[in-house]
Amino acid sequence: SPAGRQSRQLHERIQRLDVVDRAIVLLWLENMPYD
């Protein structure tokens, strides 16, 4: 699906981040507040 392909592209980019940055961006994508 188009959403699945977009998800895969996002996955590939996020995979390049270090583990802490990956965690931060995933939590941010879930609309969690900074605190």
Full PDB file with SEQRES, HELIX, SHEET, SSBOND, CRYST1, ORIGX, SCALE, CONECT and MASTER records, all heavy atoms in Angstrom:
SEQRES   1 A   35  SER PRO ALA GLY ARG GLN SER ARG GLN LEU HIS GLU ARG          
SEQRES   2 A   35  ILE GLN ARG LEU ASP VAL VAL ASP ARG ALA ILE VAL LEU          
SEQRES   3 A   35  LEU TRP LEU GLU ASN MET PRO TYR ASP                          
HELIX    1 AA1 PRO A    2  GLN A   15  1                                  14    
HELIX    2 AA2 VAL A   19  LEU A   29  1                                  11    
CRYST1    1.000    1.000    1.000  90.00  90.00  90.00 P 1           1          
ORIGX1      1.000000  0.000000  0.000000        0.00000                         
ORIGX2      0.000000  1.000000  0.000000        0.00000                         
ORIGX3      0.000000  0.000000  1.000000        0.00000                         
SCALE1      1.000000  0.000000  0.000000        0.00000                         
SCALE2      0.000000  1.000000  0.000000        0.00000                         
SCALE3      0.000000  0.000000  1.000000        0.00000                         
ATOM      1  N   SER A   1       0.840  -1.192   0.000  1.00  0.00           N  
ATOM      2  CA  SER A   1       0.000   0.000   0.000  1.00  0.00           C  
ATOM      3  C   SER A   1       0.881   1.251   0.000  1.00  0.00           C  
ATOM      4  O   SER A   1       2.040   1.204   0.405  1.00  0.00           O  
ATOM      5  CB  SER A   1      -0.898   0.014   1.240  1.00  0.00           C  
ATOM      6  OG  SER A   1      -0.119   0.261   2.389  1.00  0.00           O  
ATOM      7  N   PRO A   2       0.339   2.390  -0.452  1.00  0.00           N  
ATOM      8  CA  PRO A   2       1.123   3.633  -0.405  1.00  0.00           C  
ATOM      9  C   PRO A   2       1.577   3.976   1.024  1.00  0.00           C  
ATOM     10  O   PRO A   2       2.713   4.383   1.234  1.00  0.00           O  
ATOM     11  CB  PRO A   2       0.152   4.683  -0.942  1.00  0.00           C  
ATOM     12  CG  PRO A   2      -0.822   3.924  -1.782  1.00  0.00           C  
ATOM     13  CD  PRO A   2      -0.953   2.578  -1.119  1.00  0.00           C  
ATOM     14  N   ALA A   3       0.695   3.785   1.993  1.00  0.00           N  
ATOM     15  CA  ALA A   3       1.063   4.074   3.388  1.00  0.00           C  
ATOM     16  C   ALA A   3       2.169   3.128   3.847  1.00  0.00           C  
ATOM     17  O   ALA A   3       3.064   3.529   4.583  1.00  0.00           O  
ATOM     18  CB  ALA A   3      -0.156   3.941   4.292  1.00  0.00           C  
ATOM     19  N   GLY A   4       2.121   1.888   3.411  1.00  0.00           N  
ATOM     20  CA  GLY A   4       3.151   0.912   3.769  1.00  0.00           C  
ATOM     21  C   GLY A   4       4.498   1.265   3.166  1.00  0.00           C  
ATOM     22  O   GLY A   4       5.534   1.143   3.826  1.00  0.00           O  
ATOM     23  N   ARG A   5       4.483   1.735   1.920  1.00  0.00           N  
ATOM     24  CA  ARG A   5       5.749   2.152   1.277  1.00  0.00           C  
ATOM     25  C   ARG A   5       6.324   3.377   1.981  1.00  0.00           C  
ATOM     26  O   ARG A   5       7.524   3.473   2.219  1.00  0.00           O  
ATOM     27  CB  ARG A   5       5.520   2.430  -0.208  1.00  0.00           C  
ATOM     28  CG  ARG A   5       5.393   1.162  -1.034  1.00  0.00           C  
ATOM     29  CD  ARG A   5       5.386   1.451  -2.527  1.00  0.00           C  
ATOM     30  NE  ARG A   5       4.229   2.217  -2.965  1.00  0.00           N  
ATOM     31  CZ  ARG A   5       3.032   1.696  -3.240  1.00  0.00           C  
ATOM     32  NH1 ARG A   5       2.823   0.416  -3.094  1.00  0.00           N  
ATOM     33  NH2 ARG A   5       2.046   2.457  -3.650  1.00  0.00           N  
ATOM     34  N   GLN A   6       5.444   4.308   2.342  1.00  0.00           N  
ATOM     35  CA  GLN A   6       5.877   5.503   3.061  1.00  0.00           C  
ATOM     36  C   GLN A   6       6.438   5.116   4.433  1.00  0.00           C  
ATOM     37  O   GLN A   6       7.463   5.648   4.862  1.00  0.00           O  
ATOM     38  CB  GLN A   6       4.706   6.466   3.205  1.00  0.00           C  
ATOM     39  CG  GLN A   6       5.084   7.825   3.709  1.00  0.00           C  
ATOM     40  CD  GLN A   6       3.888   8.765   3.700  1.00  0.00           C  
ATOM     41  OE1 GLN A   6       2.749   8.357   3.904  1.00  0.00           O  
ATOM     42  NE2 GLN A   6       4.157  10.030   3.444  1.00  0.00           N  
ATOM     43  N   SER A   7       5.793   4.169   5.073  1.00  0.00           N  
ATOM     44  CA  SER A   7       6.269   3.680   6.364  1.00  0.00           C  
ATOM     45  C   SER A   7       7.650   3.041   6.213  1.00  0.00           C  
ATOM     46  O   SER A   7       8.531   3.237   7.048  1.00  0.00           O  
ATOM     47  CB  SER A   7       5.271   2.668   6.929  1.00  0.00           C  
ATOM     48  OG  SER A   7       5.738   2.124   8.123  1.00  0.00           O  
ATOM     49  N   ARG A   8       7.861   2.300   5.157  1.00  0.00           N  
ATOM     50  CA  ARG A   8       9.156   1.659   4.906  1.00  0.00           C  
ATOM     51  C   ARG A   8      10.245   2.708   4.687  1.00  0.00           C  
ATOM     52  O   ARG A   8      11.362   2.573   5.186  1.00  0.00           O  
ATOM     53  CB  ARG A   8       9.053   0.718   3.701  1.00  0.00           C  
ATOM     54  CG  ARG A   8      10.318  -0.005   3.387  1.00  0.00           C  
ATOM     55  CD  ARG A   8      10.583  -1.051   4.452  1.00  0.00           C  
ATOM     56  NE  ARG A   8      11.933  -1.538   4.303  1.00  0.00           N  
ATOM     57  CZ  ARG A   8      12.609  -2.121   5.257  1.00  0.00           C  
ATOM     58  NH1 ARG A   8      12.079  -2.309   6.426  1.00  0.00           N  
ATOM     59  NH2 ARG A   8      13.823  -2.523   5.063  1.00  0.00           N  
ATOM     60  N   GLN A   9       9.940   3.760   3.925  1.00  0.00           N  
ATOM     61  CA  GLN A   9      10.921   4.827   3.702  1.00  0.00           C  
ATOM     62  C   GLN A   9      11.289   5.512   5.006  1.00  0.00           C  
ATOM     63  O   GLN A   9      12.465   5.784   5.276  1.00  0.00           O  
ATOM     64  CB  GLN A   9      10.371   5.858   2.708  1.00  0.00           C  
ATOM     65  CG  GLN A   9      10.295   5.358   1.291  1.00  0.00           C  
ATOM     66  CD  GLN A   9       9.582   6.348   0.373  1.00  0.00           C  
ATOM     67  OE1 GLN A   9       8.851   7.230   0.815  1.00  0.00           O  
ATOM     68  NE2 GLN A   9       9.788   6.187  -0.924  1.00  0.00           N  
ATOM     69  N   LEU A  10      10.280   5.789   5.834  1.00  0.00           N  
ATOM     70  CA  LEU A  10      10.525   6.398   7.133  1.00  0.00           C  
ATOM     71  C   LEU A  10      11.384   5.464   7.991  1.00  0.00           C  
ATOM     72  O   LEU A  10      12.336   5.893   8.643  1.00  0.00           O  
ATOM     73  CB  LEU A  10       9.201   6.715   7.832  1.00  0.00           C  
ATOM     74  CG  LEU A  10       9.301   7.375   9.202  1.00  0.00           C  
ATOM     75  CD1 LEU A  10      10.008   8.724   9.099  1.00  0.00           C  
ATOM     76  CD2 LEU A  10       7.915   7.539   9.805  1.00  0.00           C  
ATOM     77  N   HIS A  11      11.060   4.182   7.956  1.00  0.00           N  
ATOM     78  CA  HIS A  11      11.828   3.179   8.704  1.00  0.00           C  
ATOM     79  C   HIS A  11      13.292   3.205   8.292  1.00  0.00           C  
ATOM     80  O   HIS A  11      14.189   3.212   9.139  1.00  0.00           O  
ATOM     81  CB  HIS A  11      11.230   1.790   8.452  1.00  0.00           C  
ATOM     82  CG  HIS A  11      11.994   0.679   9.072  1.00  0.00           C  
ATOM     83  ND1 HIS A  11      12.871  -0.098   8.338  1.00  0.00           N  
ATOM     84  CD2 HIS A  11      12.023   0.204  10.333  1.00  0.00           C  
ATOM     85  CE1 HIS A  11      13.407  -0.998   9.143  1.00  0.00           C  
ATOM     86  NE2 HIS A  11      12.907  -0.845  10.357  1.00  0.00           N  
ATOM     87  N   GLU A  12      13.558   3.252   6.987  1.00  0.00           N  
ATOM     88  CA  GLU A  12      14.946   3.252   6.497  1.00  0.00           C  
ATOM     89  C   GLU A  12      15.698   4.487   6.980  1.00  0.00           C  
ATOM     90  O   GLU A  12      16.859   4.397   7.366  1.00  0.00           O  
ATOM     91  CB  GLU A  12      14.959   3.174   4.976  1.00  0.00           C  
ATOM     92  CG  GLU A  12      14.537   1.816   4.451  1.00  0.00           C  
ATOM     93  CD  GLU A  12      14.291   1.795   2.952  1.00  0.00           C  
ATOM     94  OE1 GLU A  12      14.387   2.863   2.289  1.00  0.00           O  
ATOM     95  OE2 GLU A  12      13.981   0.703   2.447  1.00  0.00           O  
ATOM     96  N   ARG A  13      15.038   5.635   6.992  1.00  0.00           N  
ATOM     97  CA  ARG A  13      15.703   6.862   7.455  1.00  0.00           C  
ATOM     98  C   ARG A  13      15.938   6.838   8.955  1.00  0.00           C  
ATOM     99  O   ARG A  13      17.005   7.221   9.432  1.00  0.00           O  
ATOM    100  CB  ARG A  13      14.883   8.081   7.058  1.00  0.00           C  
ATOM    101  CG  ARG A  13      14.927   8.314   5.561  1.00  0.00           C  
ATOM    102  CD  ARG A  13      14.240   9.589   5.161  1.00  0.00           C  
ATOM    103  NE  ARG A  13      14.214   9.660   3.721  1.00  0.00           N  
ATOM    104  CZ  ARG A  13      13.102   9.773   3.002  1.00  0.00           C  
ATOM    105  NH1 ARG A  13      11.940   9.852   3.595  1.00  0.00           N  
ATOM    106  NH2 ARG A  13      13.155   9.814   1.698  1.00  0.00           N  
ATOM    107  N   ILE A  14      14.930   6.395   9.693  1.00  0.00           N  
ATOM    108  CA  ILE A  14      15.065   6.354  11.149  1.00  0.00           C  
ATOM    109  C   ILE A  14      16.109   5.334  11.565  1.00  0.00           C  
ATOM    110  O   ILE A  14      16.818   5.538  12.552  1.00  0.00           O  
ATOM    111  CB  ILE A  14      13.691   6.104  11.813  1.00  0.00           C  
ATOM    112  CG1 ILE A  14      12.803   7.349  11.619  1.00  0.00           C  
ATOM    113  CG2 ILE A  14      13.832   5.768  13.289  1.00  0.00           C  
ATOM    114  CD1 ILE A  14      11.388   7.198  12.105  1.00  0.00           C  
ATOM    115  N   GLN A  15      16.256   4.254  10.819  1.00  0.00           N  
ATOM    116  CA  GLN A  15      17.267   3.234  11.119  1.00  0.00           C  
ATOM    117  C   GLN A  15      18.680   3.818  11.115  1.00  0.00           C  
ATOM    118  O   GLN A  15      19.562   3.298  11.782  1.00  0.00           O  
ATOM    119  CB  GLN A  15      17.204   2.082  10.101  1.00  0.00           C  
ATOM    120  CG  GLN A  15      16.087   1.110  10.339  1.00  0.00           C  
ATOM    121  CD  GLN A  15      16.340   0.243  11.548  1.00  0.00           C  
ATOM    122  OE1 GLN A  15      17.448  -0.159  11.827  1.00  0.00           O  
ATOM    123  NE2 GLN A  15      15.287  -0.021  12.290  1.00  0.00           N  
ATOM    124  N   ARG A  16      18.890   4.886  10.389  1.00  0.00           N  
ATOM    125  CA  ARG A  16      20.224   5.506  10.308  1.00  0.00           C  
ATOM    126  C   ARG A  16      20.570   6.324  11.554  1.00  0.00           C  
ATOM    127  O   ARG A  16      21.723   6.688  11.747  1.00  0.00           O  
ATOM    128  CB  ARG A  16      20.310   6.403   9.074  1.00  0.00           C  
ATOM    129  CG  ARG A  16      20.184   5.632   7.781  1.00  0.00           C  
ATOM    130  CD  ARG A  16      20.295   6.555   6.584  1.00  0.00           C  
ATOM    131  NE  ARG A  16      19.863   5.861   5.384  1.00  0.00           N  
ATOM    132  CZ  ARG A  16      19.112   6.393   4.442  1.00  0.00           C  
ATOM    133  NH1 ARG A  16      18.719   7.643   4.532  1.00  0.00           N  
ATOM    134  NH2 ARG A  16      18.753   5.687   3.386  1.00  0.00           N  
ATOM    135  N   LEU A  17      19.561   6.618  12.379  1.00  0.00           N  
ATOM    136  CA  LEU A  17      19.796   7.393  13.599  1.00  0.00           C  
ATOM    137  C   LEU A  17      20.371   6.493  14.685  1.00  0.00           C  
ATOM    138  O   LEU A  17      20.158   5.283  14.681  1.00  0.00           O  
ATOM    139  CB  LEU A  17      18.479   8.000  14.094  1.00  0.00           C  
ATOM    140  CG  LEU A  17      17.757   8.965  13.153  1.00  0.00           C  
ATOM    141  CD1 LEU A  17      16.387   9.319  13.727  1.00  0.00           C  
ATOM    142  CD2 LEU A  17      18.587  10.219  12.927  1.00  0.00           C  
ATOM    143  N   ASP A  18      21.069   7.108  15.665  1.00  0.00           N  
ATOM    144  CA  ASP A  18      21.531   6.302  16.793  1.00  0.00           C  
ATOM    145  C   ASP A  18      20.331   5.921  17.649  1.00  0.00           C  
ATOM    146  O   ASP A  18      19.239   6.466  17.493  1.00  0.00           O  
ATOM    147  CB  ASP A  18      22.618   7.017  17.608  1.00  0.00           C  
ATOM    148  CG  ASP A  18      22.114   8.251  18.340  1.00  0.00           C  
ATOM    149  OD1 ASP A  18      21.103   8.140  19.068  1.00  0.00           O  
ATOM    150  OD2 ASP A  18      22.728   9.317  18.197  1.00  0.00           O  
ATOM    151  N   VAL A  19      20.504   4.980  18.560  1.00  0.00           N  
ATOM    152  CA  VAL A  19      19.368   4.410  19.292  1.00  0.00           C  
ATOM    153  C   VAL A  19      18.609   5.432  20.128  1.00  0.00           C  
ATOM    154  O   VAL A  19      17.386   5.362  20.221  1.00  0.00           O  
ATOM    155  CB  VAL A  19      19.782   3.196  20.153  1.00  0.00           C  
ATOM    156  CG1 VAL A  19      20.188   2.032  19.293  1.00  0.00           C  
ATOM    157  CG2 VAL A  19      20.854   3.540  21.139  1.00  0.00           C  
ATOM    158  N   VAL A  20      19.287   6.381  20.725  1.00  0.00           N  
ATOM    159  CA  VAL A  20      18.594   7.386  21.538  1.00  0.00           C  
ATOM    160  C   VAL A  20      17.792   8.332  20.650  1.00  0.00           C  
ATOM    161  O   VAL A  20      16.621   8.615  20.926  1.00  0.00           O  
ATOM    162  CB  VAL A  20      19.589   8.171  22.429  1.00  0.00           C  
ATOM    163  CG1 VAL A  20      18.888   9.285  23.183  1.00  0.00           C  
ATOM    164  CG2 VAL A  20      20.287   7.230  23.401  1.00  0.00           C  
ATOM    165  N   ASP A  21      18.397   8.813  19.557  1.00  0.00           N  
ATOM    166  CA  ASP A  21      17.671   9.692  18.636  1.00  0.00           C  
ATOM    167  C   ASP A  21      16.469   8.965  18.027  1.00  0.00           C  
ATOM    168  O   ASP A  21      15.413   9.550  17.832  1.00  0.00           O  
ATOM    169  CB  ASP A  21      18.591  10.194  17.524  1.00  0.00           C  
ATOM    170  CG  ASP A  21      19.557  11.256  18.001  1.00  0.00           C  
ATOM    171  OD1 ASP A  21      19.429  11.717  19.154  1.00  0.00           O  
ATOM    172  OD2 ASP A  21      20.466  11.631  17.227  1.00  0.00           O  
ATOM    173  N   ARG A  22      16.634   7.684  17.747  1.00  0.00           N  
ATOM    174  CA  ARG A  22      15.541   6.877  17.214  1.00  0.00           C  
ATOM    175  C   ARG A  22      14.385   6.834  18.220  1.00  0.00           C  
ATOM    176  O   ARG A  22      13.223   7.011  17.852  1.00  0.00           O  
ATOM    177  CB  ARG A  22      16.052   5.459  16.945  1.00  0.00           C  
ATOM    178  CG  ARG A  22      15.256   4.720  15.922  1.00  0.00           C  
ATOM    179  CD  ARG A  22      15.826   3.355  15.639  1.00  0.00           C  
ATOM    180  NE  ARG A  22      17.230   3.389  15.282  1.00  0.00           N  
ATOM    181  CZ  ARG A  22      17.994   2.319  15.197  1.00  0.00           C  
ATOM    182  NH1 ARG A  22      17.503   1.130  15.426  1.00  0.00           N  
ATOM    183  NH2 ARG A  22      19.265   2.423  14.861  1.00  0.00           N  
ATOM    184  N   ALA A  23      14.701   6.632  19.476  1.00  0.00           N  
ATOM    185  CA  ALA A  23      13.665   6.597  20.511  1.00  0.00           C  
ATOM    186  C   ALA A  23      12.949   7.943  20.604  1.00  0.00           C  
ATOM    187  O   ALA A  23      11.715   8.000  20.672  1.00  0.00           O  
ATOM    188  CB  ALA A  23      14.286   6.235  21.858  1.00  0.00           C  
ATOM    189  N   ILE A  24      13.722   9.018  20.583  1.00  0.00           N  
ATOM    190  CA  ILE A  24      13.141  10.356  20.693  1.00  0.00           C  
ATOM    191  C   ILE A  24      12.188  10.630  19.534  1.00  0.00           C  
ATOM    192  O   ILE A  24      11.068  11.092  19.734  1.00  0.00           O  
ATOM    193  CB  ILE A  24      14.246  11.429  20.771  1.00  0.00           C  
ATOM    194  CG1 ILE A  24      14.994  11.307  22.101  1.00  0.00           C  
ATOM    195  CG2 ILE A  24      13.668  12.832  20.604  1.00  0.00           C  
ATOM    196  CD1 ILE A  24      16.270  12.131  22.180  1.00  0.00           C  
ATOM    197  N   VAL A  25      12.608  10.340  18.316  1.00  0.00           N  
ATOM    198  CA  VAL A  25      11.761  10.635  17.161  1.00  0.00           C  
ATOM    199  C   VAL A  25      10.514   9.747  17.159  1.00  0.00           C  
ATOM    200  O   VAL A  25       9.424  10.208  16.802  1.00  0.00           O  
ATOM    201  CB  VAL A  25      12.538  10.556  15.825  1.00  0.00           C  
ATOM    202  CG1 VAL A  25      12.745   9.134  15.353  1.00  0.00           C  
ATOM    203  CG2 VAL A  25      11.829  11.356  14.744  1.00  0.00           C  
ATOM    204  N   LEU A  26      10.630   8.512  17.587  1.00  0.00           N  
ATOM    205  CA  LEU A  26       9.453   7.642  17.644  1.00  0.00           C  
ATOM    206  C   LEU A  26       8.427   8.158  18.658  1.00  0.00           C  
ATOM    207  O   LEU A  26       7.231   8.173  18.377  1.00  0.00           O  
ATOM    208  CB  LEU A  26       9.856   6.213  18.007  1.00  0.00           C  
ATOM    209  CG  LEU A  26      10.579   5.448  16.917  1.00  0.00           C  
ATOM    210  CD1 LEU A  26      11.085   4.112  17.443  1.00  0.00           C  
ATOM    211  CD2 LEU A  26       9.674   5.242  15.718  1.00  0.00           C  
ATOM    212  N   LEU A  27       8.899   8.590  19.800  1.00  0.00           N  
ATOM    213  CA  LEU A  27       7.996   9.126  20.813  1.00  0.00           C  
ATOM    214  C   LEU A  27       7.365  10.431  20.329  1.00  0.00           C  
ATOM    215  O   LEU A  27       6.180  10.677  20.542  1.00  0.00           O  
ATOM    216  CB  LEU A  27       8.747   9.329  22.127  1.00  0.00           C  
ATOM    217  CG  LEU A  27       9.264   8.032  22.769  1.00  0.00           C  
ATOM    218  CD1 LEU A  27      10.254   8.347  23.879  1.00  0.00           C  
ATOM    219  CD2 LEU A  27       8.122   7.188  23.279  1.00  0.00           C  
ATOM    220  N   TRP A  28       8.158  11.250  19.649  1.00  0.00           N  
ATOM    221  CA  TRP A  28       7.643  12.509  19.098  1.00  0.00           C  
ATOM    222  C   TRP A  28       6.581  12.231  18.032  1.00  0.00           C  
ATOM    223  O   TRP A  28       5.547  12.907  17.974  1.00  0.00           O  
ATOM    224  CB  TRP A  28       8.807  13.319  18.537  1.00  0.00           C  
ATOM    225  CG  TRP A  28       8.380  14.566  17.847  1.00  0.00           C  
ATOM    226  CD1 TRP A  28       7.977  15.734  18.416  1.00  0.00           C  
ATOM    227  CD2 TRP A  28       8.317  14.772  16.432  1.00  0.00           C  
ATOM    228  NE1 TRP A  28       7.664  16.659  17.447  1.00  0.00           N  
ATOM    229  CE2 TRP A  28       7.865  16.094  16.215  1.00  0.00           C  
ATOM    230  CE3 TRP A  28       8.600  13.978  15.334  1.00  0.00           C  
ATOM    231  CZ2 TRP A  28       7.682  16.618  14.951  1.00  0.00           C  
ATOM    232  CZ3 TRP A  28       8.430  14.507  14.068  1.00  0.00           C  
ATOM    233  CH2 TRP A  28       7.970  15.818  13.891  1.00  0.00           C  
ATOM    234  N   LEU A  29       6.819  11.220  17.189  1.00  0.00           N  
ATOM    235  CA  LEU A  29       5.839  10.862  16.156  1.00  0.00           C  
ATOM    236  C   LEU A  29       4.516  10.390  16.766  1.00  0.00           C  
ATOM    237  O   LEU A  29       3.479  10.464  16.116  1.00  0.00           O  
ATOM    238  CB  LEU A  29       6.402   9.778  15.229  1.00  0.00           C  
ATOM    239  CG  LEU A  29       7.464  10.252  14.240  1.00  0.00           C  
ATOM    240  CD1 LEU A  29       8.130   9.063  13.558  1.00  0.00           C  
ATOM    241  CD2 LEU A  29       6.872  11.208  13.210  1.00  0.00           C  
ATOM    242  N   GLU A  30       4.565   9.917  18.003  1.00  0.00           N  
ATOM    243  CA  GLU A  30       3.352   9.507  18.712  1.00  0.00           C  
ATOM    244  C   GLU A  30       2.715  10.676  19.461  1.00  0.00           C  
ATOM    245  O   GLU A  30       1.838  10.473  20.299  1.00  0.00           O  
ATOM    246  CB  GLU A  30       3.672   8.379  19.691  1.00  0.00           C  
ATOM    247  CG  GLU A  30       4.008   7.069  19.023  1.00  0.00           C  
ATOM    248  CD  GLU A  30       2.791   6.403  18.376  1.00  0.00           C  
ATOM    249  OE1 GLU A  30       1.664   6.568  18.882  1.00  0.00           O  
ATOM    250  OE2 GLU A  30       2.988   5.730  17.359  1.00  0.00           O  
ATOM    251  N   ASN A  31       3.198  11.900  19.186  1.00  0.00           N  
ATOM    252  CA  ASN A  31       2.663  13.129  19.786  1.00  0.00           C  
ATOM    253  C   ASN A  31       2.813  13.180  21.299  1.00  0.00           C  
ATOM    254  O   ASN A  31       1.975  13.771  21.985  1.00  0.00           O  
ATOM    255  CB  ASN A  31       1.194  13.345  19.387  1.00  0.00           C  
ATOM    256  CG  ASN A  31       1.038  13.574  17.919  1.00  0.00           C  
ATOM    257  OD1 ASN A  31       1.805  14.307  17.302  1.00  0.00           O  
ATOM    258  ND2 ASN A  31       0.052  12.919  17.320  1.00  0.00           N  
ATOM    259  N   MET A  32       3.865  12.579  21.805  1.00  0.00           N  
ATOM    260  CA  MET A  32       4.126  12.665  23.243  1.00  0.00           C  
ATOM    261  C   MET A  32       4.729  14.025  23.557  1.00  0.00           C  
ATOM    262  O   MET A  32       5.545  14.527  22.793  1.00  0.00           O  
ATOM    263  CB  MET A  32       5.114  11.582  23.667  1.00  0.00           C  
ATOM    264  CG  MET A  32       4.452  10.362  24.151  1.00  0.00           C  
ATOM    265  SD  MET A  32       5.601   9.418  25.124  1.00  0.00           S  
ATOM    266  CE  MET A  32       4.644   7.950  25.242  1.00  0.00           C  
ATOM    267  N   PRO A  33       4.352  14.610  24.685  1.00  0.00           N  
ATOM    268  CA  PRO A  33       4.952  15.879  25.076  1.00  0.00           C  
ATOM    269  C   PRO A  33       6.434  15.707  25.434  1.00  0.00           C  
ATOM    270  O   PRO A  33       6.856  14.624  25.850  1.00  0.00           O  
ATOM    271  CB  PRO A  33       4.140  16.308  26.303  1.00  0.00           C  
ATOM    272  CG  PRO A  33       3.296  15.165  26.687  1.00  0.00           C  
ATOM    273  CD  PRO A  33       3.309  14.163  25.590  1.00  0.00           C  
ATOM    274  N   TYR A  34       7.185  16.755  25.281  1.00  0.00           N  
ATOM    275  CA  TYR A  34       8.633  16.703  25.512  1.00  0.00           C  
ATOM    276  C   TYR A  34       8.990  16.216  26.907  1.00  0.00           C  
ATOM    277  O   TYR A  34       9.949  15.480  27.081  1.00  0.00           O  
ATOM    278  CB  TYR A  34       9.267  18.070  25.273  1.00  0.00           C  
ATOM    279  CG  TYR A  34       9.333  18.506  23.824  1.00  0.00           C  
ATOM    280  CD1 TYR A  34       8.723  17.797  22.804  1.00  0.00           C  
ATOM    281  CD2 TYR A  34      10.021  19.648  23.479  1.00  0.00           C  
ATOM    282  CE1 TYR A  34       8.790  18.214  21.487  1.00  0.00           C  
ATOM    283  CE2 TYR A  34      10.102  20.081  22.157  1.00  0.00           C  
ATOM    284  CZ  TYR A  34       9.482  19.357  21.169  1.00  0.00           C  
ATOM    285  OH  TYR A  34       9.567  19.768  19.871  1.00  0.00           O  
ATOM    286  N   ASP A  35       8.197  16.626  27.917  1.00  0.00           N  
ATOM    287  CA  ASP A  35       8.525  16.195  29.279  1.00  0.00           C  
ATOM    288  C   ASP A  35       8.352  14.684  29.451  1.00  0.00           C  
ATOM    289  O   ASP A  35       9.140  14.041  30.141  1.00  0.00           O  
ATOM    290  CB  ASP A  35       7.724  16.972  30.324  1.00  0.00           C  
ATOM    291  CG  ASP A  35       6.224  16.858  30.150  1.00  0.00           C  
ATOM    292  OD1 ASP A  35       5.747  16.673  29.012  1.00  0.00           O  
ATOM    293  OD2 ASP A  35       5.511  16.971  31.161  1.00  0.00           O  
TER     294      ASP A  35                                                      
MASTER        0    0    0    2    0    0    0    6  293    1    0    3          
END                                                                             
